[in-house]
Amino acid sequence: MAPHLRPLGLRRTVVTALVLLVAGCAPVRLASAPDPCAPAVVGGDVLTRDLGGTSLQVTVAGPVGAPTVVLLHGFPETASTWRAVATDLAADHRVVVPDLRGAGCSGFAPPGTDAYATADLAADLAGLAVALDLRPGTVVGHDLGAMTAVAWARAHPEQVASLVLSGGGVPGFGLAERGPPHLRSFGDAPPGAVEAAQRGRVREFLAGFTGSPAFPLDEAVAAYAPPGRLDAAMGRYRALDRDAVAQRADPRAPAMPVLVVAGGAPDLAADTVTALRPDRRVVVVPDAGHYVLVEQPAAFADAVRAAG
């Protein structure tokens, strides 16, 4: 959900501009593209679990019996974007890093559906917690992963002991008003439109979207270039209006402590979770922006430890 993308305009303008971008773009070929199915922690176990029609790939690492921490990625991230933070935390935590529905090497939404709302992803994670027999622990969400973390914590508070949010707002509580313009433009684009427009220029699209030199661009390109992956990511934006309606209809506060880790200054997570948890704490990490997890991974990991 990075704030660096230039606005694409209203729906009709968005679709027209996206289609025009297709012309004249040669496919990007990487000599040695990273493996999007590689473990998020070197030496970690890579598992696949079928959860009611959608399979999730997940890396599990760290001592058995240690406190649990689950790391949820945003866009254009995957589980691998957590590598430095996850490796750090695996020294003293049982770290669980899934590719969320539609991303990385996890499966897509069931055929014939556009089931990428936070409630859908939260249901996957609740099932994963049961399948892996996870003890309640710290759930960390960055960017769009922060929205999913909140949805999971509110739907299944018995599975989440504490929340750590970064760079992602809560739909229905000011996200539409405070968020960057691409939230609307991506959400308004019809299914398939963004992927069709960016086919053959995924690297350029993601590079302009992320903006941070620290972001692992090669890994993101390898993950989102295959057919269907970029459109699945856009499905999460298409679901934001549904998310907002669902959140406002059931505005319960998360039952567990909430910590916001912000890069440079309080961000969307701090702004929008306040309506639900006015007592949320904020840790600001200097010398970092939206992608604090890759720009200052040690500080991020330390903040997660303090929250547990």
Protein backbone atom coordinates (compact mmCIF):
# COMPACT_ATOMS: atom_id res chain seq x y z
CA MET A 1 0.00 0.00 0.00
CA ALA A 2 3.06 2.17 -0.38
CA PRO A 3 2.48 5.94 -0.49
CA HIS A 4 4.87 6.62 -3.36
CA LEU A 5 2.68 5.80 -6.38
CA ARG A 6 1.38 8.70 -8.37
CA PRO A 7 -2.43 8.94 -8.50
CA LEU A 8 -4.00 7.15 -11.48
CA GLY A 9 -7.21 9.22 -11.45
CA LEU A 10 -10.84 8.18 -11.56
CA ARG A 11 -12.04 4.84 -12.81
CA ARG A 12 -12.37 5.59 -16.52
CA THR A 13 -9.08 7.47 -16.60
CA VAL A 14 -7.41 4.67 -14.70
CA VAL A 15 -8.51 1.98 -17.10
CA THR A 16 -7.61 4.01 -20.20
CA ALA A 17 -4.17 4.88 -18.86
CA LEU A 18 -3.49 1.32 -17.84
CA VAL A 19 -4.40 -0.06 -21.25
CA LEU A 20 -2.19 2.48 -23.00
CA LEU A 21 0.79 1.42 -20.92
CA VAL A 22 0.71 -2.03 -22.51
CA ALA A 23 1.78 -0.83 -25.95
CA GLY A 24 5.44 -1.03 -26.82
CA CYS A 25 6.57 -2.74 -23.60
CA ALA A 26 8.94 -5.66 -24.02
CA PRO A 27 8.82 -8.48 -21.45
CA VAL A 28 11.30 -8.24 -18.59
CA ARG A 29 13.71 -11.17 -18.39
CA LEU A 30 15.83 -11.67 -15.34
CA ALA A 31 19.00 -13.68 -15.72
CA SER A 32 18.64 -15.26 -12.29
CA ALA A 33 15.32 -14.37 -10.76
CA PRO A 34 14.87 -15.13 -7.06
CA ASP A 35 12.71 -18.12 -6.17
CA PRO A 36 9.38 -16.80 -4.82
CA CYS A 37 8.88 -20.13 -3.05
CA ALA A 38 12.13 -19.96 -1.09
CA PRO A 39 11.79 -19.99 2.72
CA ALA A 40 11.43 -16.62 4.40
CA VAL A 41 14.11 -17.73 6.88
CA VAL A 42 17.13 -19.66 5.63
CA GLY A 43 16.93 -23.11 7.13
CA GLY A 44 13.27 -22.67 8.08
CA ASP A 45 10.65 -25.28 7.29
CA VAL A 46 8.41 -24.52 4.31
CA LEU A 47 4.94 -25.98 4.79
CA THR A 48 1.75 -25.95 2.73
CA ARG A 49 -1.68 -26.23 4.30
CA ASP A 50 -5.02 -26.52 2.49
CA LEU A 51 -7.53 -24.28 4.22
CA GLY A 52 -11.01 -24.69 2.86
CA GLY A 53 -10.19 -24.39 -0.81
CA THR A 54 -7.14 -22.14 -0.61
CA SER A 55 -3.64 -23.44 0.10
CA LEU A 56 -1.19 -21.32 2.05
CA GLN A 57 2.59 -21.66 1.94
CA VAL A 58 4.19 -20.74 5.24
CA THR A 59 7.74 -20.64 6.62
CA VAL A 60 8.13 -21.79 10.22
CA ALA A 61 11.42 -21.21 12.06
CA GLY A 62 12.82 -20.77 15.54
CA PRO A 63 12.72 -22.88 18.71
CA VAL A 64 9.69 -25.08 19.28
CA GLY A 65 7.93 -23.85 22.41
CA ALA A 66 9.26 -20.29 22.12
CA PRO A 67 6.77 -17.40 21.99
CA THR A 68 4.87 -17.29 18.71
CA VAL A 69 5.10 -14.38 16.29
CA VAL A 70 3.21 -14.29 12.99
CA LEU A 71 4.37 -11.85 10.29
CA LEU A 72 1.82 -10.69 7.68
CA HIS A 73 2.98 -8.94 4.52
CA GLY A 74 1.38 -6.23 2.41
CA PHE A 75 1.76 -5.32 -1.28
CA PRO A 76 3.95 -5.57 -3.25
CA GLU A 77 5.47 -7.69 -0.52
CA THR A 78 5.46 -11.42 0.14
CA ALA A 79 6.66 -13.53 3.03
CA SER A 80 10.23 -13.06 1.79
CA THR A 81 10.06 -9.31 2.50
CA TRP A 82 10.19 -10.23 6.20
CA ARG A 83 13.46 -12.17 5.81
CA ALA A 84 15.72 -9.93 7.92
CA VAL A 85 13.12 -9.37 10.65
CA ALA A 86 12.07 -13.03 10.70
CA THR A 87 15.66 -14.27 10.90
CA ASP A 88 16.34 -11.92 13.80
CA LEU A 89 13.20 -12.95 15.69
CA ALA A 90 13.79 -16.67 15.05
CA ALA A 91 16.63 -16.58 17.56
CA ASP A 92 14.10 -16.51 20.42
CA HIS A 93 10.63 -16.86 18.85
CA ARG A 94 8.68 -19.45 16.93
CA VAL A 95 8.29 -17.41 13.75
CA VAL A 96 5.46 -18.07 11.30
CA VAL A 97 5.59 -16.23 7.95
CA PRO A 98 2.82 -17.03 5.46
CA ASP A 99 2.33 -15.92 1.90
CA LEU A 100 -1.20 -14.57 2.13
CA ARG A 101 -3.95 -15.71 -0.21
CA GLY A 102 -3.00 -14.96 -3.82
CA ALA A 103 0.60 -13.94 -3.05
CA GLY A 104 3.98 -15.64 -3.33
CA CYS A 105 3.44 -19.39 -3.55
CA SER A 106 0.07 -19.55 -1.83
CA GLY A 107 -3.10 -20.38 -3.73
CA PHE A 108 -5.63 -17.98 -5.19
CA ALA A 109 -9.16 -17.34 -4.01
CA PRO A 110 -11.59 -20.13 -4.99
CA PRO A 111 -12.49 -20.07 -8.70
CA GLY A 112 -15.33 -17.75 -9.59
CA THR A 113 -14.85 -15.56 -6.53
CA ASP A 114 -13.02 -12.34 -5.78
CA ALA A 115 -12.57 -13.35 -2.14
CA TYR A 116 -9.67 -11.14 -1.08
CA ALA A 117 -11.36 -9.17 1.69
CA THR A 118 -9.63 -9.03 5.06
CA ALA A 119 -12.32 -11.36 6.44
CA ASP A 120 -11.31 -13.97 3.84
CA LEU A 121 -7.62 -13.67 4.65
CA ALA A 122 -8.33 -13.66 8.38
CA ALA A 123 -10.29 -16.90 8.00
CA ASP A 124 -7.27 -18.44 6.27
CA LEU A 125 -5.05 -17.42 9.16
CA ALA A 126 -7.45 -18.69 11.81
CA GLY A 127 -7.42 -22.04 10.02
CA LEU A 128 -3.65 -21.96 9.74
CA ALA A 129 -3.33 -21.37 13.50
CA VAL A 130 -5.40 -24.49 14.13
CA ALA A 131 -3.58 -26.54 11.48
CA LEU A 132 -0.18 -25.66 12.96
CA ASP A 133 -1.41 -25.83 16.58
CA LEU A 134 -0.07 -22.33 17.23
CA ARG A 135 -0.15 -20.89 20.70
CA PRO A 136 -1.59 -17.34 20.94
CA GLY A 137 1.20 -14.90 20.22
CA THR A 138 2.13 -11.60 18.63
CA VAL A 139 0.61 -10.91 15.21
CA VAL A 140 2.50 -8.35 13.14
CA GLY A 141 0.98 -6.75 10.04
CA HIS A 142 2.59 -4.34 7.60
CA ASP A 143 0.78 -2.33 4.93
CA LEU A 144 -2.27 -4.34 3.75
CA GLY A 145 -1.14 -7.01 6.21
CA ALA A 146 -1.98 -4.62 9.05
CA MET A 147 -5.62 -4.61 7.95
CA THR A 148 -5.65 -8.40 7.90
CA ALA A 149 -4.02 -8.55 11.33
CA VAL A 150 -6.78 -6.36 12.80
CA ALA A 151 -9.51 -8.44 11.14
CA TRP A 152 -8.00 -11.68 12.46
CA ALA A 153 -7.56 -10.30 15.97
CA ARG A 154 -11.14 -9.06 16.13
CA ALA A 155 -12.63 -12.29 14.71
CA HIS A 156 -10.48 -14.66 16.79
CA PRO A 157 -9.13 -12.87 19.86
CA GLU A 158 -8.35 -16.23 21.45
CA GLN A 159 -5.61 -16.73 18.83
CA VAL A 160 -3.90 -13.32 19.12
CA ALA A 161 -2.15 -12.15 22.29
CA SER A 162 -0.90 -8.80 20.96
CA LEU A 163 -0.96 -6.77 17.76
CA VAL A 164 1.86 -4.89 16.05
CA LEU A 165 0.81 -2.74 13.09
CA SER A 166 2.89 -0.75 10.62
CA GLY A 167 2.12 1.33 7.56
CA GLY A 168 -1.46 0.17 7.04
CA GLY A 169 -4.76 1.69 8.10
CA VAL A 170 -8.04 0.23 9.27
CA PRO A 171 -10.81 0.37 6.61
CA GLY A 172 -13.87 2.26 7.77
CA PHE A 173 -12.01 4.40 10.30
CA GLY A 174 -10.44 7.11 8.16
CA LEU A 175 -8.42 5.02 5.70
CA ALA A 176 -10.30 6.33 2.64
CA GLU A 177 -9.87 9.93 3.76
CA ARG A 178 -6.23 9.70 4.87
CA GLY A 179 -4.85 7.05 2.54
CA PRO A 180 -2.93 7.64 -0.71
CA PRO A 181 -4.91 8.10 -3.98
CA HIS A 182 -4.00 4.69 -5.39
CA LEU A 183 -6.24 3.00 -2.81
CA ARG A 184 -9.21 4.37 -4.76
CA SER A 185 -7.78 3.99 -8.27
CA PHE A 186 -6.67 0.38 -7.76
CA GLY A 187 -9.94 -0.44 -6.04
CA ASP A 188 -12.00 1.02 -8.90
CA ALA A 189 -10.11 -0.75 -11.70
CA PRO A 190 -12.04 -3.78 -13.00
CA PRO A 191 -10.62 -7.26 -12.36
CA GLY A 192 -7.68 -7.94 -14.67
CA ALA A 193 -7.21 -4.34 -15.82
CA VAL A 194 -4.09 -3.50 -13.83
CA GLU A 195 -2.40 -6.82 -14.62
CA ALA A 196 -3.19 -6.48 -18.33
CA ALA A 197 -1.75 -2.98 -18.40
CA GLN A 198 1.43 -3.89 -16.53
CA ARG A 199 2.17 -7.19 -18.28
CA GLY A 200 5.74 -6.99 -19.53
CA ARG A 201 6.66 -4.00 -17.34
CA VAL A 202 6.14 -5.36 -13.84
CA ARG A 203 9.59 -4.18 -12.76
CA GLU A 204 8.95 -0.60 -13.80
CA PHE A 205 5.51 -0.62 -12.20
CA LEU A 206 6.73 -1.98 -8.86
CA ALA A 207 9.83 0.23 -8.83
CA GLY A 208 7.68 3.33 -9.22
CA PHE A 209 5.25 2.05 -6.64
CA THR A 210 7.69 1.18 -3.85
CA GLY A 211 10.11 4.10 -4.09
CA SER A 212 12.56 2.79 -1.48
CA PRO A 213 16.04 1.60 -2.56
CA ALA A 214 15.98 -0.84 0.36
CA PHE A 215 12.93 -2.66 -0.95
CA PRO A 216 13.77 -6.15 -2.39
CA LEU A 217 12.56 -5.35 -5.89
CA ASP A 218 13.91 -8.49 -7.61
CA GLU A 219 11.96 -10.69 -5.22
CA ALA A 220 8.79 -8.69 -5.75
CA VAL A 221 9.11 -8.91 -9.54
CA ALA A 222 9.62 -12.69 -9.37
CA ALA A 223 6.57 -13.02 -7.13
CA TYR A 224 4.13 -10.77 -9.02
CA ALA A 225 5.10 -11.38 -12.66
CA PRO A 226 3.38 -14.82 -13.00
CA PRO A 227 -0.14 -14.76 -14.43
CA GLY A 228 -2.83 -13.91 -11.91
CA ARG A 229 -0.58 -12.70 -9.11
CA LEU A 230 -0.88 -8.98 -9.75
CA ASP A 231 -4.63 -9.24 -10.20
CA ALA A 232 -4.94 -11.16 -6.91
CA ALA A 233 -3.11 -8.30 -5.19
CA MET A 234 -5.52 -5.84 -6.77
CA GLY A 235 -8.34 -7.96 -5.36
CA ARG A 236 -7.32 -6.78 -1.93
CA TYR A 237 -7.83 -3.16 -3.04
CA ARG A 238 -11.15 -4.04 -4.70
CA ALA A 239 -12.28 -5.39 -1.31
CA LEU A 240 -11.52 -2.23 0.68
CA ASP A 241 -15.07 -0.89 0.43
CA ARG A 242 -16.43 -4.23 1.66
CA ASP A 243 -13.88 -4.17 4.46
CA ALA A 244 -14.95 -0.68 5.50
CA VAL A 245 -18.63 -1.63 5.64
CA ALA A 246 -17.87 -4.75 7.70
CA GLN A 247 -15.63 -2.88 10.12
CA ARG A 248 -18.13 -0.08 10.74
CA ALA A 249 -20.92 -2.61 11.26
CA ASP A 250 -18.96 -4.24 14.08
CA PRO A 251 -16.67 -1.58 15.62
CA ARG A 252 -15.39 -3.68 18.50
CA ALA A 253 -11.97 -2.73 19.78
CA PRO A 254 -9.27 -5.38 19.50
CA ALA A 255 -9.14 -7.09 22.89
CA MET A 256 -5.35 -7.24 23.02
CA PRO A 257 -2.64 -4.54 23.33
CA VAL A 258 -1.84 -2.69 20.09
CA LEU A 259 1.57 -1.30 19.15
CA VAL A 260 2.22 0.77 16.02
CA VAL A 261 5.74 0.75 14.54
CA ALA A 262 6.09 3.81 12.32
CA GLY A 263 8.91 4.88 10.07
CA GLY A 264 9.90 8.48 10.67
CA ALA A 265 6.51 9.68 11.93
CA PRO A 266 3.16 8.22 12.97
CA ASP A 267 1.47 6.66 9.95
CA LEU A 268 -1.89 5.37 8.76
CA ALA A 269 -1.92 2.58 11.31
CA ALA A 270 -1.56 5.03 14.20
CA ASP A 271 -4.10 7.43 12.73
CA THR A 272 -6.85 4.93 11.98
CA VAL A 273 -6.53 2.41 14.82
CA THR A 274 -6.98 5.21 17.36
CA ALA A 275 -10.76 5.11 16.92
CA LEU A 276 -10.70 1.46 17.97
CA ARG A 277 -7.93 1.59 20.55
CA PRO A 278 -7.20 5.13 21.81
CA ASP A 279 -4.57 3.63 24.11
CA ARG A 280 -2.48 2.20 21.26
CA ARG A 281 1.24 2.79 21.69
CA VAL A 282 3.49 4.14 18.93
CA VAL A 283 7.19 3.50 18.37
CA VAL A 284 8.80 5.75 15.76
CA VAL A 285 11.90 4.31 14.07
CA PRO A 286 14.30 7.02 12.85
CA ASP A 287 15.85 6.89 9.38
CA ALA A 288 13.03 4.82 7.94
CA GLY A 289 9.96 5.40 5.82
CA HIS A 290 7.01 3.23 4.87
CA TYR A 291 9.17 0.10 4.50
CA VAL A 292 10.64 0.23 7.99
CA LEU A 293 10.80 -3.59 8.08
CA VAL A 294 13.49 -3.62 5.36
CA GLU A 295 15.04 -0.22 6.06
CA GLN A 296 15.58 -0.78 9.80
CA PRO A 297 14.92 -4.49 10.42
CA ALA A 298 16.81 -4.74 13.72
CA ALA A 299 14.84 -1.86 15.22
CA PHE A 300 11.62 -3.39 13.92
CA ALA A 301 12.45 -6.75 15.47
CA ASP A 302 13.29 -5.09 18.80
CA ALA A 303 9.91 -3.33 18.77
CA VAL A 304 8.15 -6.65 18.16
CA ARG A 305 10.01 -8.22 21.08
CA ALA A 306 8.94 -5.37 23.34
CA ALA A 307 5.30 -5.89 22.35
CA GLY A 308 5.23 -9.62 23.18
